[in-house]
Amino acid sequence: MRFAIKAVAVSVLLACAGGAMAQKGETVKIAWIDPLSGLMAALGTNQFKSLQYAAEELNKSNASGVKFEIIGIDNKLSPQETTAALRSAMDQGARYVFQGNGSGPALAIIDALEKHNARNKGKEVLYVNYAAVDPDLTNSKCSYWHFRLDADTSMKMEALTTYMKDVPEIKKVYLINQNYSHGHQVSKFAKDMLKIKRPDVQIVGDDFAPLAQVRDFAPYVAKIKQSGADTVITGNWGSDLALLIKAASDAGLNNVNFYTYYAITTGVPTAMGAGASGKVYMVGYGHMNMPGVMNKIVNGYKAKFNDDMYTGTLYTGLNMLDQAFAKAKSTDPVKIAAAMEGMKFQNYNGEVEMRKTDHQLQQGLYITKWEKAGGKYPYDSENTGYTFAPVKYFEPYVASTPTSCQMKRPS
């Protein structure tokens, strides 16, 4: 009997040891689904290359021993095209999906995976959201299969307005945003939070432009100028921000400061140039001048592509999966989803936590300012000679907003 017990114990230990190494050398296919055509193609192309580069770097050495393979699929920024792209990704064997541009496509993925995963046990697919920041995605629309890495619209506005409340020069604010859920929420949260933190501030404009359709923002800039605003708050991203900044520069809008979410993305640094020095601020989970692993990656990417790797959550997503693979000793999305719930892990921007209640990553946020590169902050954005330098850091609790998520976990 003692021999039998010992034999069973040894077999269990061997099984555990085998399980620990089960993922070593395994190739994990990840489908990246975002725009590679249309006005947002430059942004999407940059992010696709960035994810591929981050995968190449992690493939050299990682905790789990897996190899990441990236599959890129163009969704044309369309929810309908996103659903078709998701089917194509699953047909190619991808069980992990990265997407970030637009809350409409994000919702399409969540809805599709809720149905697919319920009907296809053993073939579940997990969604890593690196940039779609509609708060509803981790509140009323929250899903067990969805994990968000970027701070949502309300979290970023919490940090931004906490900084702005201590800037007495801000007296008249103009809001200009894209005409879809994210843009409307930027407007709403800005008005609500400024009313509480700076009731003396006057909102002198609240404008919306069609998403990825406007090629000339001069008429919008004319209204900003006419309003007498000293400050603009915008959640615009991609070409909609680059063209807005360019129009502001062309119109000589030199006495207005811009508070932004995405001023580091393709084309915006070039549009800002020297003329915007000291006038553009950005809120984000990091910056291009961070030391450590991100410094190595962004400079390596720059050397290889002569381009900026500004979407740090792409690295975060792969790092998070790698840590979860090692923790679960598996690459099965069901086990990985369970492993990532509540998981704390070291990232390039410090220790972060994937909140279990709603799958919203909790992390510190930075306020950065556009200024001449050099000294402590040497990174040269788009070869302009300028960079976003940190002016304020907020601990995770400052911008951590509550959730109404009622998570439905699989039985």
Foldseek 3Di string as FASTA:
>chain_A
DVVVVVVVVVVVVVVVVCLLLVQAAAEAEEEEEEACDALQNQQVVLQLVLLVLLQVVCCVDFLRNYRYDYHYDHQNQDLVSLLVSVVVCVVVPHQEYEYEPDVSVVLSVLVVQVVVCVVDPPSHHAYEYQHHAQQCCLFVVFELRYAYEWHHLQLQLLVVVVVVLPVVVFAEEAEEEAPDRSSVVNQVNNVVSCCVSPVRHHYQYHYHDHPSPDPACLVVLVSVVVSPGQEYEYADDRPVQLRNLLNCVVVVVQRHAYEYAYCLTPNNCVSCFPSCAQRYKHKTQDFQLQDDPSVVSQVVCCVVPVAGNDSQVSSVVVNLQSVLCSVQSHNRSLSSSVSQAQDWDQDSSGIWTQHNQRNYIFGKMFMWGKHAADDSGNDQRSVRRITTHTDDIGGRVSSDDDHNDPYDDDD
